[in-house]
Amino acid sequence: MSKMSEIAGVLKKEFRERRLHAGERAASVHGIAKRFRVAPVTADRVLKLLEKENEIYRIKAKGSFLCKDAPVPKRIIYFSESKYQSRSGEYFIERTRFEKIREVFSGSANAIDLVPNPVRFETGELARLLENYDGMLISASHLLYSGKFKAFDSFRGKTVLFGLERALPGLRFSQVVPDFSTAFDRIPEKYTLSGYDRCLVLYSGCHNYCARCRVKSVRNFFRKYGNASGKIEFVSLNTSSYTASYVAGQFLMKNLRENTKRERLLIISLSDYLTDGIGKALAESGVRADVLSFDNLDGYGWMHDGPAWVSSIDCEMVRIGETAAKLLLRLVDDGDDCKYIVSVPTTFADRGSIRPQCTRRKPANTAENIEMSAVFY
């Protein structure tokens, strides 16, 4: 960005923040040159740029004046899933995401208010709260089964929903979701899955919407690229985020067959809460296995005991929140009533936990080779 464009951007922001009206005096050549320590010719070019953008008009020997009233600031409410101030790994990601969202709105005159954990409000309370806002940003995975979506039906402002892993049909909101296919498509460029005797897919919670979406993404991946020669087992662990690592470790220690040490085994963890337990179980049992996980690179250091070791699909939670904020800002500023579905590409982080295959085996029939099992602790 040139110096001239940078100064013009600063002045436009000030016009909005000071809520100046059409016809009020804007900056002068002398004032710009003195304030920003630039030559008068550069200051004159700044005013010409603002004039070209219909921000000001100029009258010879009188000065420059605003063309239009500053827009009335809009109020935005952000319903987050948790209190982002917490220092645990999950909430660290939420705090990082909110900081990115706040950066998006800091460049506009619009104000954003954070309201954590909207599930705690009664439906009537939420409806009354929303009467004071023009736009709504919702991090929604905890709201899905709470019945609180009904409270948003009366809201007449712009709404963008994110935090789910697939777009929900029938909603009148714009939605921002991850596109896992972009990360999955990178894996076959380096690895082949046809050499494994067994593939174990672990996830937490059979009633977890995000987990079910990831199960579907993994199934689609196997159907597209072929699967291991042995059976693919989907295992649901009945656990919360607080006990997921322990439960995953206990499951592997108790349920891996003795001959697994001679099998080529691939373990896919659909949650980064499971990976520490998986790593400890493999180390203690002496079983060799390749591991692929889902995680969020922005919060990796907070979620795990040591350095990153698992090749993974980055869920891009922070970038999804930032994209949702930019979309909402545009909808509010432009008065756009369209409903958008925006997909954010995910990435594959190769950390060496998947070994290159030396030989290829003929893939078995995918449809016959997939099992679903449930494990409860």
Protein backbone atom coordinates (compact mmCIF):
# COMPACT_ATOMS: atom_id res chain seq x y z
CA MET A 1 0.00 0.00 0.00
CA SER A 2 1.39 3.42 -0.98
CA LYS A 3 1.82 6.25 1.51
CA MET A 4 -0.90 8.20 -0.27
CA SER A 5 -3.44 5.34 0.03
CA GLU A 6 -2.48 4.78 3.66
CA ILE A 7 -3.15 8.44 4.57
CA ALA A 8 -6.44 8.40 2.65
CA GLY A 9 -7.52 5.30 4.60
CA VAL A 10 -6.71 6.98 7.94
CA LEU A 11 -8.73 10.07 6.99
CA LYS A 12 -11.74 8.04 5.83
CA LYS A 13 -11.74 6.13 9.10
CA GLU A 14 -11.68 9.42 11.02
CA PHE A 15 -14.57 10.80 8.99
CA ARG A 16 -16.67 7.82 10.07
CA GLU A 17 -15.57 7.78 13.71
CA ARG A 18 -16.17 11.53 14.17
CA ARG A 19 -19.60 11.12 12.55
CA LEU A 20 -19.18 14.20 10.39
CA HIS A 21 -22.02 15.41 8.18
CA ALA A 22 -22.12 16.32 4.51
CA GLY A 23 -20.75 19.82 3.86
CA GLU A 24 -18.47 19.87 6.90
CA ARG A 25 -14.88 20.88 6.28
CA ALA A 26 -12.44 18.03 5.65
CA ALA A 27 -8.66 18.05 5.81
CA SER A 28 -6.53 20.65 4.02
CA VAL A 29 -3.30 20.28 2.03
CA HIS A 30 -1.35 22.15 4.69
CA GLY A 31 -2.90 20.13 7.52
CA ILE A 32 -2.18 16.78 5.87
CA ALA A 33 1.40 17.75 4.99
CA LYS A 34 2.14 18.88 8.54
CA ARG A 35 0.42 15.99 10.32
CA PHE A 36 1.80 13.14 8.20
CA ARG A 37 5.13 14.82 7.38
CA VAL A 38 4.73 14.56 3.63
CA ALA A 39 5.30 17.00 0.81
CA PRO A 40 2.40 19.34 -0.15
CA VAL A 41 2.22 17.65 -3.55
CA THR A 42 1.60 14.27 -1.81
CA ALA A 43 -1.04 15.85 0.44
CA ASP A 44 -2.77 17.27 -2.65
CA ARG A 45 -2.78 13.82 -4.24
CA VAL A 46 -4.41 12.39 -1.11
CA LEU A 47 -7.26 14.88 -1.45
CA LYS A 48 -7.59 14.09 -5.16
CA LEU A 49 -7.86 10.39 -4.29
CA LEU A 50 -10.58 11.10 -1.71
CA GLU A 51 -12.37 13.26 -4.26
CA LYS A 52 -12.19 10.46 -6.82
CA GLU A 53 -13.73 8.07 -4.28
CA ASN A 54 -16.60 10.54 -3.67
CA GLU A 55 -15.57 11.11 -0.07
CA ILE A 56 -15.02 14.86 -0.48
CA TYR A 57 -15.51 17.69 -2.96
CA ARG A 58 -13.16 20.67 -3.34
CA ILE A 59 -13.89 24.36 -3.87
CA LYS A 60 -11.04 26.49 -5.11
CA ALA A 61 -9.73 28.95 -2.49
CA LYS A 62 -12.18 27.58 0.09
CA GLY A 63 -11.05 24.02 0.84
CA SER A 64 -12.37 20.49 0.82
CA PHE A 65 -15.72 19.33 2.24
CA LEU A 66 -17.43 16.02 2.92
CA CYS A 67 -19.79 14.69 0.25
CA LYS A 68 -21.98 12.64 2.56
CA ASP A 69 -22.89 12.00 6.17
CA ALA A 70 -20.81 9.46 8.01
CA PRO A 71 -22.70 6.14 8.18
CA VAL A 72 -24.52 5.41 11.41
CA PRO A 73 -22.49 2.75 13.25
CA LYS A 74 -24.10 -0.68 13.38
CA ARG A 75 -24.12 -2.81 16.50
CA ILE A 76 -22.97 -6.40 16.12
CA ILE A 77 -23.41 -9.18 18.67
CA TYR A 78 -21.10 -12.20 18.71
CA PHE A 79 -22.43 -15.31 20.42
CA SER A 80 -19.37 -17.40 21.27
CA GLU A 81 -19.37 -20.95 22.58
CA SER A 82 -17.40 -20.21 25.73
CA LYS A 83 -15.71 -17.62 27.88
CA TYR A 84 -12.73 -16.91 25.66
CA GLN A 85 -10.72 -15.54 28.61
CA SER A 86 -10.09 -19.08 29.93
CA ARG A 87 -6.56 -20.41 29.59
CA SER A 88 -7.39 -24.01 28.62
CA GLY A 89 -6.55 -25.20 25.10
CA GLU A 90 -10.12 -25.17 23.77
CA TYR A 91 -10.77 -21.66 25.03
CA PHE A 92 -7.37 -20.43 23.88
CA ILE A 93 -8.54 -21.11 20.32
CA GLU A 94 -11.78 -19.23 21.02
CA ARG A 95 -9.84 -16.27 22.40
CA THR A 96 -7.52 -16.24 19.38
CA ARG A 97 -10.53 -16.36 17.10
CA PHE A 98 -12.25 -13.49 18.88
CA GLU A 99 -9.12 -11.36 18.58
CA LYS A 100 -9.16 -11.95 14.82
CA ILE A 101 -12.85 -11.11 14.65
CA ARG A 102 -12.28 -7.92 16.63
CA GLU A 103 -9.50 -6.94 14.19
CA VAL A 104 -11.97 -7.25 11.31
CA PHE A 105 -14.43 -4.86 12.96
CA SER A 106 -11.75 -2.46 14.20
CA GLY A 107 -11.39 -1.10 10.68
CA SER A 108 -15.04 -0.03 10.57
CA ALA A 109 -17.27 2.21 12.63
CA ASN A 110 -19.34 -0.77 13.72
CA ALA A 111 -19.15 -1.96 17.33
CA ILE A 112 -19.06 -5.64 18.34
CA ASP A 113 -20.17 -7.07 21.70
CA LEU A 114 -19.17 -10.53 22.90
CA VAL A 115 -21.80 -12.68 24.62
CA PRO A 116 -20.40 -16.08 25.69
CA ASN A 117 -22.44 -19.26 26.00
CA PRO A 118 -25.89 -18.14 24.72
CA VAL A 119 -27.37 -21.51 25.75
CA ARG A 120 -27.67 -20.13 29.29
CA PHE A 121 -30.32 -17.59 28.17
CA GLU A 122 -34.02 -18.33 27.99
CA THR A 123 -35.54 -17.98 24.53
CA GLY A 124 -37.41 -14.81 25.51
CA GLU A 125 -34.27 -13.24 26.97
CA LEU A 126 -32.34 -13.82 23.75
CA ALA A 127 -35.12 -12.30 21.65
CA ARG A 128 -35.19 -9.14 23.80
CA LEU A 129 -31.39 -8.87 23.73
CA LEU A 130 -31.32 -9.02 19.94
CA GLU A 131 -33.65 -6.02 19.60
CA ASN A 132 -30.63 -3.75 20.17
CA TYR A 133 -28.46 -5.14 17.34
CA ASP A 134 -28.14 -4.89 13.57
CA GLY A 135 -25.99 -7.95 12.95
CA MET A 136 -25.37 -11.30 14.62
CA LEU A 137 -22.35 -13.60 14.46
CA ILE A 138 -22.97 -17.07 15.89
CA SER A 139 -20.47 -19.77 16.80
CA ALA A 140 -23.05 -22.46 16.73
CA SER A 141 -21.96 -26.01 17.50
CA HIS A 142 -23.24 -25.86 21.11
CA LEU A 143 -26.54 -24.34 19.99
CA LEU A 144 -27.49 -27.11 17.60
CA TYR A 145 -29.38 -29.31 20.06
CA SER A 146 -30.31 -26.61 22.56
CA GLY A 147 -33.47 -25.42 20.80
CA LYS A 148 -32.22 -21.82 20.97
CA PHE A 149 -32.32 -21.31 17.20
CA LYS A 150 -36.01 -20.42 17.61
CA ALA A 151 -35.00 -17.27 19.48
CA PHE A 152 -33.32 -15.99 16.33
CA ASP A 153 -36.40 -16.27 14.12
CA SER A 154 -37.61 -12.78 15.01
CA PHE A 155 -34.21 -11.15 14.38
CA ARG A 156 -34.37 -8.86 11.36
CA GLY A 157 -30.69 -8.01 11.08
CA LYS A 158 -27.94 -9.83 9.17
CA THR A 159 -26.75 -13.15 10.55
CA VAL A 160 -23.73 -15.35 9.82
CA LEU A 161 -23.41 -18.79 11.38
CA PHE A 162 -20.16 -20.73 11.79
CA GLY A 163 -18.76 -23.46 14.04
CA LEU A 164 -20.53 -26.33 12.27
CA GLU A 165 -18.70 -28.64 9.90
CA ARG A 166 -21.44 -28.85 7.28
CA ALA A 167 -23.96 -26.28 6.16
CA LEU A 168 -27.40 -26.90 7.64
CA PRO A 169 -30.27 -26.88 5.13
CA GLY A 170 -33.33 -24.75 5.72
CA LEU A 171 -31.68 -21.98 7.78
CA ARG A 172 -32.21 -18.35 6.82
CA PHE A 173 -28.65 -17.47 7.84
CA SER A 174 -25.46 -17.23 5.84
CA GLN A 175 -23.05 -19.98 6.88
CA VAL A 176 -19.28 -20.47 6.86
CA VAL A 177 -18.02 -24.07 6.98
CA PRO A 178 -14.72 -25.94 6.49
CA ASP A 179 -14.02 -27.82 3.27
CA PHE A 180 -12.20 -31.01 4.34
CA SER A 181 -11.88 -32.32 0.79
CA THR A 182 -9.02 -29.90 0.07
CA ALA A 183 -6.91 -31.45 2.86
CA PHE A 184 -7.92 -35.03 2.12
CA ASP A 185 -7.00 -34.60 -1.56
CA ARG A 186 -3.42 -33.84 -0.52
CA ILE A 187 -2.90 -37.15 1.30
CA PRO A 188 -2.92 -39.49 -1.77
CA GLU A 189 -0.29 -37.27 -3.40
CA LYS A 190 2.23 -38.76 -0.95
CA TYR A 191 0.66 -41.82 0.67
CA THR A 192 -1.43 -44.80 -0.35
CA LEU A 193 -3.97 -46.36 2.00
CA SER A 194 -4.12 -49.70 0.21
CA GLY A 195 -1.17 -51.20 2.13
CA TYR A 196 -2.85 -51.29 5.55
CA ASP A 197 -4.27 -54.45 7.04
CA ARG A 198 -6.52 -52.49 9.37
CA CYS A 199 -7.81 -48.94 9.71
CA LEU A 200 -9.23 -47.74 13.03
CA VAL A 201 -11.23 -44.47 13.08
CA LEU A 202 -11.76 -43.09 16.61
CA TYR A 203 -14.11 -40.28 17.56
CA SER A 204 -15.81 -39.07 20.72
CA GLY A 205 -19.56 -38.98 21.16
CA CYS A 206 -22.14 -40.69 18.95
CA HIS A 207 -24.41 -37.64 19.43
CA ASN A 208 -21.68 -35.17 18.48
CA TYR A 209 -22.72 -33.40 15.27
CA CYS A 210 -19.17 -32.36 14.33
CA ALA A 211 -17.92 -35.92 14.85
CA ARG A 212 -20.67 -37.28 12.58
CA CYS A 213 -19.69 -34.76 9.89
CA ARG A 214 -16.06 -35.88 10.11
CA VAL A 215 -17.12 -39.53 9.92
CA LYS A 216 -18.94 -38.71 6.70
CA SER A 217 -15.88 -36.88 5.33
CA VAL A 218 -13.64 -39.89 6.11
CA ARG A 219 -16.12 -42.28 4.49
CA ASN A 220 -16.23 -40.11 1.36
CA PHE A 221 -12.43 -40.04 1.30
CA PHE A 222 -12.20 -43.86 1.38
CA ARG A 223 -14.84 -44.18 -1.31
CA LYS A 224 -12.94 -41.75 -3.53
CA TYR A 225 -9.41 -43.06 -3.11
CA GLY A 226 -9.87 -46.67 -2.00
CA ASN A 227 -9.37 -48.12 1.45
CA ALA A 228 -7.12 -50.46 3.34
CA SER A 229 -7.08 -54.16 2.44
CA GLY A 230 -8.40 -54.97 5.91
CA LYS A 231 -11.63 -53.69 7.40
CA ILE A 232 -12.17 -50.06 8.37
CA GLU A 233 -13.66 -49.77 11.85
CA PHE A 234 -15.40 -46.62 13.09
CA VAL A 235 -15.35 -46.55 16.89
CA SER A 236 -17.39 -44.10 18.96
CA LEU A 237 -15.92 -43.44 22.41
CA ASN A 238 -18.40 -42.26 25.01
CA THR A 239 -16.31 -39.47 26.50
CA SER A 240 -16.05 -35.73 27.00
CA SER A 241 -13.17 -33.48 25.98
CA TYR A 242 -11.80 -33.69 29.55
CA THR A 243 -11.44 -37.49 29.57
CA ALA A 244 -10.99 -38.13 25.83
CA SER A 245 -7.22 -38.69 25.95
CA TYR A 246 -7.46 -41.20 28.80
CA VAL A 247 -10.40 -43.10 27.28
CA ALA A 248 -8.71 -43.33 23.87
CA GLY A 249 -5.54 -44.68 25.48
CA GLN A 250 -7.45 -47.25 27.55
CA PHE A 251 -9.42 -48.40 24.52
CA LEU A 252 -6.28 -48.98 22.46
CA MET A 253 -4.47 -50.78 25.28
CA LYS A 254 -7.42 -53.16 25.86
CA ASN A 255 -8.65 -53.74 22.33
CA LEU A 256 -5.65 -53.95 20.00
CA ARG A 257 -5.18 -57.56 19.10
CA GLU A 258 -1.83 -59.22 19.81
CA ASN A 259 -1.15 -59.75 16.13
CA THR A 260 -1.52 -56.02 15.54
CA LYS A 261 2.23 -55.84 16.06
CA ARG A 262 2.57 -57.66 12.73
CA GLU A 263 -0.22 -55.78 10.95
CA ARG A 264 0.08 -52.49 9.15
CA LEU A 265 -2.31 -50.33 11.17
CA LEU A 266 -3.65 -46.84 10.45
CA ILE A 267 -5.37 -44.94 13.28
CA ILE A 268 -7.43 -41.89 12.35
CA SER A 269 -8.42 -39.64 15.26
CA LEU A 270 -11.33 -37.33 14.50
CA SER A 271 -10.47 -35.10 17.48
CA ASP A 272 -7.16 -33.74 18.72
CA TYR A 273 -8.37 -34.45 22.27
CA LEU A 274 -7.69 -38.14 21.58
CA THR A 275 -4.18 -37.95 20.16
CA ASP A 276 -2.16 -37.73 23.39
CA GLY A 277 -3.82 -40.91 24.67
CA ILE A 278 -3.24 -42.63 21.33
CA GLY A 279 0.47 -41.72 21.41
CA LYS A 280 0.93 -43.00 24.97
CA ALA A 281 -0.90 -46.28 24.24
CA LEU A 282 1.23 -46.98 21.18
CA ALA A 283 4.43 -46.20 23.11
CA GLU A 284 3.49 -48.45 26.05
CA SER A 285 2.19 -51.35 23.94
CA GLY A 286 5.01 -51.32 21.43
CA VAL A 287 2.49 -51.46 18.57
CA ARG A 288 3.61 -49.72 15.41
CA ALA A 289 0.89 -47.70 13.74
CA ASP A 290 0.51 -44.71 11.48
CA VAL A 291 -1.65 -41.91 12.87
CA LEU A 292 -3.72 -39.18 11.20
CA SER A 293 -5.68 -36.64 13.24
CA PHE A 294 -7.88 -33.57 13.01
CA ASP A 295 -6.58 -30.55 14.96
CA ASN A 296 -6.32 -26.77 15.05
CA LEU A 297 -2.80 -25.54 14.51
CA ASP A 298 -3.52 -22.20 16.21
CA GLY A 299 -4.06 -23.96 19.53
CA TYR A 300 -1.79 -26.98 19.23
CA GLY A 301 0.67 -25.91 21.93
CA TRP A 302 -2.19 -25.54 24.41
CA MET A 303 -3.98 -28.77 23.58
CA HIS A 304 -1.09 -31.23 23.92
CA ASP A 305 1.66 -32.22 26.33
CA GLY A 306 4.54 -31.92 23.85
CA PRO A 307 5.49 -30.75 20.37
CA ALA A 308 3.31 -31.54 17.38
CA TRP A 309 3.90 -35.12 16.18
CA VAL A 310 0.72 -36.22 14.40
CA SER A 311 0.12 -35.64 10.70
CA SER A 312 -3.21 -33.89 10.69
CA ILE A 313 -5.96 -32.01 8.96
CA ASP A 314 -6.10 -28.45 10.24
CA CYS A 315 -9.75 -27.52 10.85
CA GLU A 316 -8.98 -23.78 10.40
CA MET A 317 -11.28 -22.70 13.25
CA VAL A 318 -9.67 -19.28 13.62
CA ARG A 319 -9.70 -18.52 9.88
CA ILE A 320 -13.33 -19.66 9.62
CA GLY A 321 -14.31 -17.18 12.37
CA GLU A 322 -12.38 -14.39 10.64
CA THR A 323 -14.06 -15.21 7.30
CA ALA A 324 -17.49 -15.18 8.95
CA ALA A 325 -16.78 -11.75 10.48
CA LYS A 326 -15.74 -10.31 7.09
CA LEU A 327 -18.88 -11.70 5.48
CA LEU A 328 -21.14 -10.23 8.19
CA LEU A 329 -19.43 -6.84 7.94
CA ARG A 330 -20.07 -6.75 4.20
CA LEU A 331 -23.70 -7.82 4.61
CA VAL A 332 -24.33 -5.12 7.23
CA ASP A 333 -22.55 -2.34 5.35
CA ASP A 334 -24.06 -3.16 1.95
CA GLY A 335 -27.55 -4.13 3.13
CA ASP A 336 -27.16 -7.42 1.27
CA ASP A 337 -30.11 -9.77 1.94
CA CYS A 338 -28.67 -12.80 0.13
CA LYS A 339 -27.88 -15.98 2.06
CA TYR A 340 -24.40 -17.34 1.37
CA ILE A 341 -22.68 -20.67 2.01
CA VAL A 342 -18.91 -20.05 2.18
CA SER A 343 -16.43 -22.95 2.30
CA VAL A 344 -13.00 -22.38 3.82
CA PRO A 345 -10.29 -24.78 2.51
CA THR A 346 -8.54 -26.89 5.13
CA THR A 347 -4.87 -27.93 4.97
CA PHE A 348 -2.93 -31.17 5.49
CA ALA A 349 -0.02 -30.83 7.95
CA ASP A 350 2.49 -33.61 7.30
CA ARG A 351 4.48 -34.24 10.50
CA GLY A 352 5.82 -37.69 9.65
CA SER A 353 3.40 -39.90 11.62
CA ILE A 354 2.39 -41.65 8.38
CA ARG A 355 5.13 -43.77 6.83
CA PRO A 356 5.46 -44.06 3.04
CA GLN A 357 4.18 -47.39 1.76
CA CYS A 358 6.74 -49.63 0.06
CA THR A 359 4.23 -51.95 -1.59
CA ARG A 360 0.67 -51.56 -2.73
CA ARG A 361 -2.04 -54.08 -2.00
CA LYS A 362 -5.15 -54.45 -4.05
CA PRO A 363 -7.93 -52.53 -2.22
CA ALA A 364 -10.87 -54.59 -1.10
CA ASN A 365 -14.40 -53.58 -1.98
CA THR A 366 -15.00 -50.33 -0.08
CA ALA A 367 -18.72 -50.81 0.55
CA GLU A 368 -18.19 -54.27 2.04
CA ASN A 369 -15.11 -53.27 3.97
CA ILE A 370 -16.47 -50.57 6.30
CA GLU A 371 -17.77 -51.39 9.77
CA MET A 372 -19.38 -49.19 12.40
CA SER A 373 -18.92 -50.09 16.04
CA ALA A 374 -19.65 -48.31 19.31
CA VAL A 375 -17.58 -48.45 22.47
CA PHE A 376 -18.81 -47.04 25.77
CA TYR A 377 -16.83 -46.45 28.96
